[in-house]
Amino acid sequence: GLVQPGGSLNLSCVVSGDIFGIGAMGWYRQ
């Protein structure tokens, strides 16, 4: 979303499906 400088946000991500063997999870940005 939109936030002012100094503000906070919390991102969430739920993964499902063929998740067997998933070794790492995280966030990239562009």
PDB file of all heavy atoms in Angstrom:
ATOM      1  N   GLY A   1       0.808  -1.205   0.000  1.00  0.00           N
ATOM      2  CA  GLY A   1       0.000   0.000   0.000  1.00  0.00           C
ATOM      3  C   GLY A   1       0.836   1.247   0.000  1.00  0.00           C
ATOM      4  O   GLY A   1       2.044   1.208  -0.256  1.00  0.00           O
ATOM      5  N   LEU A   2       0.179   2.347   0.292  1.00  0.00           N
ATOM      6  CA  LEU A   2       0.825   3.657   0.348  1.00  0.00           C
ATOM      7  C   LEU A   2       1.034   4.041   1.806  1.00  0.00           C
ATOM      8  O   LEU A   2       0.103   3.954   2.616  1.00  0.00           O
ATOM      9  CB  LEU A   2      -0.054   4.694  -0.352  1.00  0.00           C
ATOM     10  CG  LEU A   2       0.370   6.156  -0.245  1.00  0.00           C
ATOM     11  CD1 LEU A   2       1.711   6.387  -0.934  1.00  0.00           C
ATOM     12  CD2 LEU A   2      -0.710   7.064  -0.833  1.00  0.00           C
ATOM     13  N   VAL A   3       2.236   4.477   2.118  1.00  0.00           N
ATOM     14  CA  VAL A   3       2.558   4.864   3.489  1.00  0.00           C
ATOM     15  C   VAL A   3       3.493   6.062   3.452  1.00  0.00           C
ATOM     16  O   VAL A   3       4.273   6.224   2.504  1.00  0.00           O
ATOM     17  CB  VAL A   3       3.183   3.673   4.244  1.00  0.00           C
ATOM     18  CG1 VAL A   3       4.519   3.275   3.650  1.00  0.00           C
ATOM     19  CG2 VAL A   3       3.317   3.954   5.727  1.00  0.00           C
ATOM     20  N   GLN A   4       3.415   6.880   4.478  1.00  0.00           N
ATOM     21  CA  GLN A   4       4.310   8.035   4.569  1.00  0.00           C
ATOM     22  C   GLN A   4       5.687   7.599   5.065  1.00  0.00           C
ATOM     23  O   GLN A   4       5.809   6.573   5.750  1.00  0.00           O
ATOM     24  CB  GLN A   4       3.713   9.073   5.513  1.00  0.00           C
ATOM     25  CG  GLN A   4       2.450   9.720   4.987  1.00  0.00           C
ATOM     26  CD  GLN A   4       1.985  10.853   5.882  1.00  0.00           C
ATOM     27  OE1 GLN A   4       2.373  10.953   7.037  1.00  0.00           O
ATOM     28  NE2 GLN A   4       1.144  11.714   5.339  1.00  0.00           N
ATOM     29  N   PRO A   5       6.714   8.378   4.754  1.00  0.00           N
ATOM     30  CA  PRO A   5       8.048   8.061   5.296  1.00  0.00           C
ATOM     31  C   PRO A   5       8.011   7.938   6.812  1.00  0.00           C
ATOM     32  O   PRO A   5       7.357   8.733   7.493  1.00  0.00           O
ATOM     33  CB  PRO A   5       8.890   9.263   4.856  1.00  0.00           C
ATOM     34  CG  PRO A   5       8.227   9.733   3.603  1.00  0.00           C
ATOM     35  CD  PRO A   5       6.749   9.530   3.835  1.00  0.00           C
ATOM     36  N   GLY A   6       8.697   6.921   7.310  1.00  0.00           N
ATOM     37  CA  GLY A   6       8.671   6.632   8.738  1.00  0.00           C
ATOM     38  C   GLY A   6       7.582   5.678   9.154  1.00  0.00           C
ATOM     39  O   GLY A   6       7.571   5.210  10.301  1.00  0.00           O
ATOM     40  N   GLY A   7       6.681   5.372   8.250  1.00  0.00           N
ATOM     41  CA  GLY A   7       5.574   4.491   8.559  1.00  0.00           C
ATOM     42  C   GLY A   7       5.939   3.018   8.469  1.00  0.00           C
ATOM     43  O   GLY A   7       7.096   2.652   8.194  1.00  0.00           O
ATOM     44  N   SER A   8       4.933   2.172   8.684  1.00  0.00           N
ATOM     45  CA  SER A   8       5.142   0.723   8.716  1.00  0.00           C
ATOM     46  C   SER A   8       4.107   0.015   7.863  1.00  0.00           C
ATOM     47  O   SER A   8       2.984   0.494   7.677  1.00  0.00           O
ATOM     48  CB  SER A   8       5.028   0.210  10.155  1.00  0.00           C
ATOM     49  OG  SER A   8       6.006   0.766  10.993  1.00  0.00           O
ATOM     50  N   LEU A   9       4.513  -1.133   7.368  1.00  0.00           N
ATOM     51  CA  LEU A   9       3.614  -2.056   6.674  1.00  0.00           C
ATOM     52  C   LEU A   9       4.023  -3.476   7.025  1.00  0.00           C
ATOM     53  O   LEU A   9       5.200  -3.746   7.325  1.00  0.00           O
ATOM     54  CB  LEU A   9       3.680  -1.881   5.155  1.00  0.00           C
ATOM     55  CG  LEU A   9       3.020  -0.659   4.540  1.00  0.00           C
ATOM     56  CD1 LEU A   9       3.361  -0.574   3.048  1.00  0.00           C
ATOM     57  CD2 LEU A   9       1.520  -0.676   4.735  1.00  0.00           C
ATOM     58  N   ASN A  10       3.073  -4.385   6.940  1.00  0.00           N
ATOM     59  CA  ASN A  10       3.369  -5.797   7.173  1.00  0.00           C
ATOM     60  C   ASN A  10       2.878  -6.593   5.968  1.00  0.00           C
ATOM     61  O   ASN A  10       1.681  -6.591   5.674  1.00  0.00           O
ATOM     62  CB  ASN A  10       2.679  -6.298   8.442  1.00  0.00           C
ATOM     63  CG  ASN A  10       3.114  -7.693   8.814  1.00  0.00           C
ATOM     64  OD1 ASN A  10       4.283  -8.036   8.685  1.00  0.00           O
ATOM     65  ND2 ASN A  10       2.193  -8.505   9.251  1.00  0.00           N
ATOM     66  N   LEU A  11       3.802  -7.220   5.282  1.00  0.00           N
ATOM     67  CA  LEU A  11       3.460  -8.043   4.122  1.00  0.00           C
ATOM     68  C   LEU A  11       3.254  -9.491   4.557  1.00  0.00           C
ATOM     69  O   LEU A  11       3.981 -10.001   5.429  1.00  0.00           O
ATOM     70  CB  LEU A  11       4.563  -7.992   3.071  1.00  0.00           C
ATOM     71  CG  LEU A  11       4.978  -6.608   2.574  1.00  0.00           C
ATOM     72  CD1 LEU A  11       6.021  -6.757   1.457  1.00  0.00           C
ATOM     73  CD2 LEU A  11       3.796  -5.814   2.096  1.00  0.00           C
ATOM     74  N   SER A  12       2.277 -10.135   3.949  1.00  0.00           N
ATOM     75  CA  SER A  12       1.998 -11.542   4.226  1.00  0.00           C
ATOM     76  C   SER A  12       2.026 -12.339   2.942  1.00  0.00           C
ATOM     77  O   SER A  12       1.639 -11.831   1.883  1.00  0.00           O
ATOM     78  CB  SER A  12       0.616 -11.700   4.870  1.00  0.00           C
ATOM     79  OG  SER A  12       0.543 -11.042   6.095  1.00  0.00           O
ATOM     80  N   CYS A  13       2.444 -13.586   3.053  1.00  0.00           N
ATOM     81  CA  CYS A  13       2.477 -14.482   1.892  1.00  0.00           C
ATOM     82  C   CYS A  13       2.190 -15.896   2.373  1.00  0.00           C
ATOM     83  O   CYS A  13       2.885 -16.403   3.257  1.00  0.00           O
ATOM     84  CB  CYS A  13       3.840 -14.411   1.214  1.00  0.00           C
ATOM     85  SG  CYS A  13       4.070 -15.619  -0.123  1.00  0.00           S
ATOM     86  N   VAL A  14       1.160 -16.489   1.802  1.00  0.00           N
ATOM     87  CA  VAL A  14       0.837 -17.880   2.096  1.00  0.00           C
ATOM     88  C   VAL A  14       1.074 -18.699   0.835  1.00  0.00           C
ATOM     89  O   VAL A  14       0.582 -18.349  -0.246  1.00  0.00           O
ATOM     90  CB  VAL A  14      -0.621 -18.031   2.563  1.00  0.00           C
ATOM     91  CG1 VAL A  14      -0.949 -19.493   2.808  1.00  0.00           C
ATOM     92  CG2 VAL A  14      -0.851 -17.218   3.823  1.00  0.00           C
ATOM     93  N   VAL A  15       1.813 -19.783   0.996  1.00  0.00           N
ATOM     94  CA  VAL A  15       2.188 -20.632  -0.135  1.00  0.00           C
ATOM     95  C   VAL A  15       1.429 -21.953  -0.039  1.00  0.00           C
ATOM     96  O   VAL A  15       1.307 -22.528   1.054  1.00  0.00           O
ATOM     97  CB  VAL A  15       3.707 -20.888  -0.136  1.00  0.00           C
ATOM     98  CG1 VAL A  15       4.098 -21.753  -1.330  1.00  0.00           C
ATOM     99  CG2 VAL A  15       4.464 -19.572  -0.178  1.00  0.00           C
ATOM    100  N   SER A  16       0.935 -22.429  -1.152  1.00  0.00           N
ATOM    101  CA  SER A  16       0.201 -23.694  -1.170  1.00  0.00           C
ATOM    102  C   SER A  16       0.513 -24.449  -2.455  1.00  0.00           C
ATOM    103  O   SER A  16       1.230 -23.963  -3.326  1.00  0.00           O
ATOM    104  CB  SER A  16      -1.300 -23.437  -1.043  1.00  0.00           C
ATOM    105  OG  SER A  16      -1.768 -22.673  -2.135  1.00  0.00           O
ATOM    106  N   GLY A  17      -0.046 -25.644  -2.547  1.00  0.00           N
ATOM    107  CA  GLY A  17       0.174 -26.457  -3.742  1.00  0.00           C
ATOM    108  C   GLY A  17       1.307 -27.443  -3.549  1.00  0.00           C
ATOM    109  O   GLY A  17       1.449 -28.041  -2.482  1.00  0.00           O
ATOM    110  N   ASP A  18       2.145 -27.581  -4.536  1.00  0.00           N
ATOM    111  CA  ASP A  18       3.263 -28.532  -4.524  1.00  0.00           C
ATOM    112  C   ASP A  18       4.438 -27.928  -3.754  1.00  0.00           C
ATOM    113  O   ASP A  18       5.376 -27.400  -4.340  1.00  0.00           O
ATOM    114  CB  ASP A  18       3.672 -28.869  -5.953  1.00  0.00           C
ATOM    115  CG  ASP A  18       4.826 -29.843  -6.000  1.00  0.00           C
ATOM    116  OD1 ASP A  18       5.104 -30.503  -4.973  1.00  0.00           O
ATOM    117  OD2 ASP A  18       5.475 -29.943  -7.056  1.00  0.00           O
ATOM    118  N   ILE A  19       4.368 -27.969  -2.433  1.00  0.00           N
ATOM    119  CA  ILE A  19       5.368 -27.285  -1.610  1.00  0.00           C
ATOM    120  C   ILE A  19       6.383 -28.245  -1.009  1.00  0.00           C
ATOM    121  O   ILE A  19       7.255 -27.824  -0.248  1.00  0.00           O
ATOM    122  CB  ILE A  19       4.710 -26.461  -0.498  1.00  0.00           C
ATOM    123  CG1 ILE A  19       3.889 -27.385   0.414  1.00  0.00           C
ATOM    124  CG2 ILE A  19       3.847 -25.355  -1.085  1.00  0.00           C
ATOM    125  CD1 ILE A  19       3.354 -26.674   1.651  1.00  0.00           C
ATOM    126  N   PHE A  20       6.307 -29.521  -1.370  1.00  0.00           N
ATOM    127  CA  PHE A  20       7.275 -30.475  -0.830  1.00  0.00           C
ATOM    128  C   PHE A  20       8.679 -30.074  -1.273  1.00  0.00           C
ATOM    129  O   PHE A  20       8.919 -29.796  -2.440  1.00  0.00           O
ATOM    130  CB  PHE A  20       6.957 -31.887  -1.321  1.00  0.00           C
ATOM    131  CG  PHE A  20       7.933 -32.917  -0.824  1.00  0.00           C
ATOM    132  CD1 PHE A  20       7.831 -33.407   0.472  1.00  0.00           C
ATOM    133  CD2 PHE A  20       8.972 -33.370  -1.621  1.00  0.00           C
ATOM    134  CE1 PHE A  20       8.730 -34.349   0.946  1.00  0.00           C
ATOM    135  CE2 PHE A  20       9.884 -34.303  -1.159  1.00  0.00           C
ATOM    136  CZ  PHE A  20       9.751 -34.796   0.120  1.00  0.00           C
ATOM    137  N   GLY A  21       9.600 -30.043  -0.316  1.00  0.00           N
ATOM    138  CA  GLY A  21      10.982 -29.736  -0.651  1.00  0.00           C
ATOM    139  C   GLY A  21      11.338 -28.265  -0.685  1.00  0.00           C
ATOM    140  O   GLY A  21      12.487 -27.909  -0.991  1.00  0.00           O
ATOM    141  N   ILE A  22      10.382 -27.399  -0.369  1.00  0.00           N
ATOM    142  CA  ILE A  22      10.684 -25.964  -0.315  1.00  0.00           C
ATOM    143  C   ILE A  22      11.676 -25.716   0.821  1.00  0.00           C
ATOM    144  O   ILE A  22      11.400 -26.059   1.963  1.00  0.00           O
ATOM    145  CB  ILE A  22       9.427 -25.131  -0.104  1.00  0.00           C
ATOM    146  CG1 ILE A  22       8.491 -25.261  -1.316  1.00  0.00           C
ATOM    147  CG2 ILE A  22       9.769 -23.659   0.150  1.00  0.00           C
ATOM    148  CD1 ILE A  22       9.031 -24.667  -2.595  1.00  0.00           C
ATOM    149  N   GLY A  23      12.828 -25.132   0.512  1.00  0.00           N
ATOM    150  CA  GLY A  23      13.873 -24.956   1.511  1.00  0.00           C
ATOM    151  C   GLY A  23      14.044 -23.535   1.995  1.00  0.00           C
ATOM    152  O   GLY A  23      14.612 -23.297   3.055  1.00  0.00           O
ATOM    153  N   ALA A  24      13.584 -22.588   1.214  1.00  0.00           N
ATOM    154  CA  ALA A  24      13.736 -21.193   1.604  1.00  0.00           C
ATOM    155  C   ALA A  24      12.524 -20.409   1.111  1.00  0.00           C
ATOM    156  O   ALA A  24      11.932 -20.740   0.079  1.00  0.00           O
ATOM    157  CB  ALA A  24      15.005 -20.587   1.011  1.00  0.00           C
ATOM    158  N   MET A  25      12.168 -19.407   1.892  1.00  0.00           N
ATOM    159  CA  MET A  25      11.099 -18.505   1.494  1.00  0.00           C
ATOM    160  C   MET A  25      11.512 -17.098   1.870  1.00  0.00           C
ATOM    161  O   MET A  25      12.312 -16.903   2.798  1.00  0.00           O
ATOM    162  CB  MET A  25       9.784 -18.861   2.199  1.00  0.00           C
ATOM    163  CG  MET A  25       9.205 -20.186   1.777  1.00  0.00           C
ATOM    164  SD  MET A  25       7.696 -20.588   2.695  1.00  0.00           S
ATOM    165  CE  MET A  25       6.613 -19.247   2.205  1.00  0.00           C
ATOM    166  N   GLY A  26      10.965 -16.137   1.187  1.00  0.00           N
ATOM    167  CA  GLY A  26      11.317 -14.773   1.543  1.00  0.00           C
ATOM    168  C   GLY A  26      10.735 -13.776   0.583  1.00  0.00           C
ATOM    169  O   GLY A  26       9.724 -14.040  -0.080  1.00  0.00           O
ATOM    170  N   TRP A  27      11.405 -12.631   0.505  1.00  0.00           N
ATOM    171  CA  TRP A  27      10.911 -11.502  -0.275  1.00  0.00           C
ATOM    172  C   TRP A  27      12.026 -10.881  -1.107  1.00  0.00           C
ATOM    173  O   TRP A  27      13.136 -10.670  -0.604  1.00  0.00           O
ATOM    174  CB  TRP A  27      10.346 -10.428   0.658  1.00  0.00           C
ATOM    175  CG  TRP A  27       9.185 -10.906   1.455  1.00  0.00           C
ATOM    176  CD1 TRP A  27       9.213 -11.529   2.671  1.00  0.00           C
ATOM    177  CD2 TRP A  27       7.804 -10.823   1.097  1.00  0.00           C
ATOM    178  NE1 TRP A  27       7.941 -11.832   3.082  1.00  0.00           N
ATOM    179  CE2 TRP A  27       7.055 -11.398   2.129  1.00  0.00           C
ATOM    180  CE3 TRP A  27       7.122 -10.282  -0.003  1.00  0.00           C
ATOM    181  CZ2 TRP A  27       5.667 -11.470   2.105  1.00  0.00           C
ATOM    182  CZ3 TRP A  27       5.750 -10.355  -0.029  1.00  0.00           C
ATOM    183  CH2 TRP A  27       5.019 -10.943   1.010  1.00  0.00           C
ATOM    184  N   TYR A  28      11.705 -10.599  -2.340  1.00  0.00           N
ATOM    185  CA  TYR A  28      12.506  -9.760  -3.210  1.00  0.00           C
ATOM    186  C   TYR A  28      11.697  -8.484  -3.482  1.00  0.00           C
ATOM    187  O   TYR A  28      10.502  -8.434  -3.232  1.00  0.00           O
ATOM    188  CB  TYR A  28      12.775 -10.450  -4.548  1.00  0.00           C
ATOM    189  CG  TYR A  28      13.938 -11.403  -4.562  1.00  0.00           C
ATOM    190  CD1 TYR A  28      13.870 -12.628  -3.896  1.00  0.00           C
ATOM    191  CD2 TYR A  28      15.098 -11.110  -5.273  1.00  0.00           C
ATOM    192  CE1 TYR A  28      14.929 -13.520  -3.934  1.00  0.00           C
ATOM    193  CE2 TYR A  28      16.165 -11.994  -5.320  1.00  0.00           C
ATOM    194  CZ  TYR A  28      16.064 -13.203  -4.647  1.00  0.00           C
ATOM    195  OH  TYR A  28      17.115 -14.089  -4.688  1.00  0.00           O
ATOM    196  N   ARG A  29      12.379  -7.491  -4.014  1.00  0.00           N
ATOM    197  CA  ARG A  29      11.676  -6.294  -4.464  1.00  0.00           C
ATOM    198  C   ARG A  29      12.304  -5.776  -5.749  1.00  0.00           C
ATOM    199  O   ARG A  29      13.478  -6.027  -6.027  1.00  0.00           O
ATOM    200  CB  ARG A  29      11.675  -5.196  -3.401  1.00  0.00           C
ATOM    201  CG  ARG A  29      13.040  -4.592  -3.106  1.00  0.00           C
ATOM    202  CD  ARG A  29      12.936  -3.604  -1.951  1.00  0.00           C
ATOM    203  NE  ARG A  29      14.235  -3.012  -1.636  1.00  0.00           N
ATOM    204  CZ  ARG A  29      14.449  -2.222  -0.584  1.00  0.00           C
ATOM    205  NH1 ARG A  29      13.445  -1.918   0.250  1.00  0.00           N
ATOM    206  NH2 ARG A  29      15.647  -1.728  -0.363  1.00  0.00           N
ATOM    207  N   GLN A  30      11.490  -5.052  -6.502  1.00  0.00           N
ATOM    208  CA  GLN A  30      11.965  -4.465  -7.749  1.00  0.00           C
ATOM    209  C   GLN A  30      11.384  -3.072  -7.894  1.00  0.00           C
ATOM    210  O   GLN A  30      10.161  -2.903  -7.981  1.00  0.00           O
ATOM    211  CB  GLN A  30      11.590  -5.328  -8.947  1.00  0.00           C
ATOM    212  CG  GLN A  30      12.205  -4.872 -10.257  1.00  0.00           C
ATOM    213  CD  GLN A  30      12.086  -5.905 -11.356  1.00  0.00           C
ATOM    214  OE1 GLN A  30      11.278  -6.813 -11.285  1.00  0.00           O
ATOM    215  NE2 GLN A  30      12.920  -5.771 -12.378  1.00  0.00           N
TER     216      GLN A  30
END
